[in-house]
Amino acid sequence: MGGTSTVHDKPRAPAAEPLRVLRARSWDDPKLARRGHDPRSAYVERFWVAVLGPSAVWFLRLLAREFDELAPDEELRLDLDTTARRLGLQHRGGRTSTFMRTVDRCAMFGLAYFTDDAVLMVRRHLPSVPRRLHDRMPQELRDEVGHWSRTDGQADFSVGETRLLASCMLMLGHGLHESAERLVTLGFAPNAANEATAWAWAQHCTRPRPRGRN
């Protein structure tokens, strides 16, 4: 289930009763946790949007934020009408609604899959856009995407130092996307900057929160 090349069937046919609540669970992949891209990252902003479309990326980002607040074994319960409206979409017409077409698009590209009609597994980290999908991008992005796979450009910094710098940026209040962009402007290879920022973000989100006073 966790392999990056796994292909899943498209979502099952809808149940007789209209689906009102969707249970979403985290689809974790150790390989992508190290090499993949957080849905809120600069890489996804640049390249996956051109393939998935903005609505699907917004949906993945929304779930990423919600998953950050859960324990590893917890699941989300999404009211479909409310979730659709949070994304500026509609959930009318069941499986044919604009919102469910957005969900199905995530499944089409292997970023989510249904275990049954009401349970959706969603990737916490996205793979790099497969080469076979590069022709869906405009030419300027096709020229740029190869640059983002480089790991050179950081000879003076170890992986640990790069991650530390990314952690410092997050502690200063910079967001995930902004931190990755700042590392790139400092001369780090985009893929190395993205990996370090994704790692630092995961550490930031899983750090125990202080208990409130009684």
Protein backbone atom coordinates (compact mmCIF):
# COMPACT_ATOMS: atom_id res chain seq x y z
CA MET A 1 0.00 0.00 0.00
CA GLY A 2 2.87 2.37 0.76
CA GLY A 3 4.90 2.00 -2.49
CA THR A 4 5.14 5.06 -4.65
CA SER A 5 4.31 3.12 -7.84
CA THR A 6 1.16 1.47 -6.50
CA VAL A 7 -1.86 1.92 -8.76
CA HIS A 8 -5.33 1.76 -7.26
CA ASP A 9 -8.71 1.40 -8.87
CA LYS A 10 -10.86 4.47 -9.23
CA PRO A 11 -13.37 5.08 -6.44
CA ARG A 12 -16.22 2.62 -6.14
CA ALA A 13 -19.69 3.38 -7.39
CA PRO A 14 -21.64 5.55 -4.94
CA ALA A 15 -23.89 3.93 -2.38
CA ALA A 16 -27.66 4.15 -2.71
CA GLU A 17 -27.84 6.86 -0.04
CA PRO A 18 -26.10 10.17 -0.86
CA LEU A 19 -22.74 10.40 0.86
CA ARG A 20 -22.77 13.19 3.45
CA VAL A 21 -19.72 12.40 5.61
CA LEU A 22 -16.35 11.18 4.37
CA ARG A 23 -13.81 9.56 6.67
CA ALA A 24 -10.27 10.48 5.67
CA ARG A 25 -7.21 8.61 6.88
CA SER A 26 -3.53 9.39 6.46
CA TRP A 27 -1.74 7.32 3.80
CA ASP A 28 1.82 7.38 5.06
CA ASP A 29 4.79 6.27 2.97
CA PRO A 30 8.23 6.26 4.65
CA LYS A 31 10.02 6.76 1.32
CA LEU A 32 7.92 9.80 0.44
CA ALA A 33 8.28 11.16 3.97
CA ARG A 34 12.00 11.51 3.15
CA ARG A 35 11.88 12.31 -0.56
CA GLY A 36 8.34 13.47 -1.22
CA HIS A 37 6.70 16.88 -1.16
CA ASP A 38 4.32 18.27 1.42
CA PRO A 39 1.10 19.45 -0.30
CA ARG A 40 1.86 22.95 1.01
CA SER A 41 5.40 23.01 -0.41
CA ALA A 42 6.84 25.20 -3.13
CA TYR A 43 7.27 22.18 -5.42
CA VAL A 44 3.56 21.31 -5.30
CA GLU A 45 2.67 24.96 -5.82
CA ARG A 46 4.82 25.09 -8.95
CA PHE A 47 4.29 21.73 -10.63
CA TRP A 48 1.43 19.61 -9.27
CA VAL A 49 -1.09 22.44 -9.70
CA ALA A 50 -0.51 22.28 -13.45
CA VAL A 51 -1.34 18.55 -13.44
CA LEU A 52 -4.03 18.23 -10.75
CA GLY A 53 -5.66 21.60 -10.98
CA PRO A 54 -5.95 24.07 -8.09
CA SER A 55 -9.04 22.56 -6.43
CA ALA A 56 -7.39 19.17 -5.93
CA VAL A 57 -4.23 20.78 -4.52
CA TRP A 58 -6.31 22.94 -2.15
CA PHE A 59 -8.11 19.79 -0.98
CA LEU A 60 -4.80 18.00 -0.28
CA ARG A 61 -3.50 21.06 1.56
CA LEU A 62 -6.64 21.30 3.66
CA LEU A 63 -6.31 17.66 4.72
CA ALA A 64 -2.58 18.10 5.42
CA ARG A 65 -3.38 20.87 7.89
CA GLU A 66 -6.13 18.80 9.51
CA PHE A 67 -3.92 15.70 9.76
CA ASP A 68 -1.27 17.77 11.57
CA GLU A 69 -3.71 18.18 14.45
CA LEU A 70 -4.46 14.45 14.81
CA ALA A 71 -2.71 11.54 16.45
CA PRO A 72 -1.23 9.07 13.91
CA ASP A 73 -4.09 6.57 14.31
CA GLU A 74 -6.92 9.12 14.21
CA GLU A 75 -9.12 9.83 11.21
CA LEU A 76 -10.92 12.90 9.94
CA ARG A 77 -14.67 13.04 9.56
CA LEU A 78 -15.44 15.49 6.79
CA ASP A 79 -18.89 16.90 6.32
CA LEU A 80 -18.88 17.00 2.52
CA ASP A 81 -21.07 20.07 2.10
CA THR A 82 -19.04 22.10 4.59
CA THR A 83 -15.69 20.89 3.20
CA ALA A 84 -16.77 21.70 -0.35
CA ARG A 85 -17.76 25.22 0.65
CA ARG A 86 -14.41 25.72 2.40
CA LEU A 87 -12.80 25.10 -1.00
CA GLY A 88 -15.25 27.29 -2.91
CA LEU A 89 -16.89 24.21 -4.47
CA GLN A 90 -20.34 22.62 -4.41
CA HIS A 91 -21.46 19.19 -3.29
CA ARG A 92 -24.69 18.77 -5.20
CA GLY A 93 -25.45 15.78 -7.32
CA GLY A 94 -23.53 13.18 -5.30
CA ARG A 95 -20.59 11.65 -7.17
CA THR A 96 -20.99 14.09 -10.06
CA SER A 97 -20.61 17.21 -7.88
CA THR A 98 -17.64 19.49 -8.44
CA PHE A 99 -16.28 18.53 -5.03
CA MET A 100 -16.42 14.76 -5.63
CA ARG A 101 -14.83 15.22 -9.05
CA THR A 102 -11.99 16.98 -7.24
CA VAL A 103 -11.61 14.01 -4.87
CA ASP A 104 -11.75 11.57 -7.80
CA ARG A 105 -9.00 13.54 -9.54
CA CYS A 106 -6.70 12.98 -6.56
CA ALA A 107 -7.46 9.25 -6.83
CA MET A 108 -6.87 9.28 -10.59
CA PHE A 109 -3.27 10.40 -10.07
CA GLY A 110 -2.53 7.99 -7.22
CA LEU A 111 -2.62 10.57 -4.42
CA ALA A 112 -5.67 9.10 -2.69
CA TYR A 113 -7.88 6.03 -2.90
CA PHE A 114 -11.14 4.76 -1.47
CA THR A 115 -11.10 1.64 0.70
CA ASP A 116 -14.89 1.71 0.52
CA ASP A 117 -17.55 4.28 -0.33
CA ALA A 118 -16.98 6.37 2.80
CA VAL A 119 -13.26 5.94 3.66
CA LEU A 120 -10.59 7.84 1.75
CA MET A 121 -6.85 7.25 2.19
CA VAL A 122 -4.88 10.41 1.37
CA ARG A 123 -1.13 10.79 0.87
CA ARG A 124 0.65 12.97 3.44
CA HIS A 125 3.50 13.55 0.98
CA LEU A 126 3.28 13.72 -2.80
CA PRO A 127 5.81 12.14 -5.15
CA SER A 128 7.58 14.18 -7.77
CA VAL A 129 5.48 14.62 -10.88
CA PRO A 130 6.13 11.51 -13.02
CA ARG A 131 7.94 12.18 -16.27
CA ARG A 132 5.01 10.80 -18.26
CA LEU A 133 2.90 13.71 -16.94
CA HIS A 134 5.35 16.48 -17.78
CA ASP A 135 3.58 17.12 -21.09
CA ARG A 136 0.59 18.39 -19.10
CA MET A 137 2.70 21.36 -17.99
CA PRO A 138 3.42 24.50 -20.00
CA GLN A 139 6.85 24.51 -21.59
CA GLU A 140 8.42 26.84 -19.03
CA LEU A 141 7.51 24.44 -16.21
CA ARG A 142 8.81 21.45 -18.18
CA ASP A 143 12.12 23.27 -18.52
CA GLU A 144 12.17 24.07 -14.78
CA VAL A 145 11.04 20.77 -13.26
CA GLY A 146 14.35 19.05 -13.99
CA HIS A 147 16.17 21.78 -12.07
CA TRP A 148 14.10 20.95 -8.99
CA SER A 149 15.37 17.36 -8.97
CA ARG A 150 18.98 18.50 -8.49
CA THR A 151 20.65 17.84 -5.17
CA ASP A 152 23.83 19.79 -5.86
CA GLY A 153 24.25 23.45 -4.96
CA GLN A 154 24.70 22.90 -1.23
CA ALA A 155 28.32 21.71 -1.09
CA ASP A 156 29.12 23.94 1.87
CA PHE A 157 26.23 22.61 3.97
CA SER A 158 25.44 19.16 5.29
CA VAL A 159 21.91 17.77 5.26
CA GLY A 160 21.73 18.37 9.01
CA GLU A 161 22.78 22.01 8.63
CA THR A 162 20.24 22.56 5.87
CA ARG A 163 17.50 21.08 8.04
CA LEU A 164 18.59 23.24 10.98
CA LEU A 165 18.36 26.37 8.85
CA ALA A 166 14.89 25.35 7.67
CA SER A 167 13.85 24.73 11.29
CA CYS A 168 15.06 28.19 12.27
CA MET A 169 12.99 29.77 9.51
CA LEU A 170 9.86 28.00 10.74
CA MET A 171 10.58 29.07 14.33
CA LEU A 172 10.83 32.67 13.10
CA GLY A 173 7.29 32.39 11.78
CA HIS A 174 7.90 31.77 8.09
CA GLY A 175 5.48 29.32 6.50
CA LEU A 176 6.36 26.07 4.77
CA HIS A 177 6.20 27.50 1.27
CA GLU A 178 8.07 30.69 2.16
CA SER A 179 10.84 28.80 4.00
CA ALA A 180 11.56 26.59 0.99
CA GLU A 181 11.62 29.61 -1.31
CA ARG A 182 14.04 31.45 0.97
CA LEU A 183 16.45 28.51 0.98
CA VAL A 184 16.38 28.44 -2.82
CA THR A 185 17.15 32.17 -2.99
CA LEU A 186 20.11 31.53 -0.65
CA GLY A 187 21.57 29.17 -3.26
CA PHE A 188 20.35 25.76 -2.12
CA ALA A 189 19.26 23.28 -4.77
CA PRO A 190 15.43 23.36 -4.89
CA ASN A 191 15.02 19.66 -4.15
CA ALA A 192 17.40 19.87 -1.18
CA ALA A 193 15.62 22.97 0.13
CA ASN A 194 12.24 21.30 -0.25
CA GLU A 195 13.39 18.12 1.55
CA ALA A 196 14.87 20.07 4.44
CA THR A 197 11.78 22.23 4.84
CA ALA A 198 9.43 19.24 4.68
CA TRP A 199 11.51 17.50 7.35
CA ALA A 200 11.54 20.57 9.59
CA TRP A 201 7.80 21.05 9.15
CA ALA A 202 7.11 17.44 10.14
CA GLN A 203 9.23 17.91 13.27
CA HIS A 204 7.46 21.17 14.06
CA CYS A 205 4.00 19.60 13.71
CA THR A 206 4.77 16.49 15.75
CA ARG A 207 6.50 18.33 18.61
CA PRO A 208 4.42 17.84 21.80
CA ARG A 209 2.30 20.87 22.57
CA PRO A 210 2.50 22.36 26.07
CA ARG A 211 -0.43 21.43 28.27
CA GLY A 212 -2.74 24.23 29.26
CA ARG A 213 -2.97 25.25 32.86
CA ASN A 214 -5.94 24.07 34.88
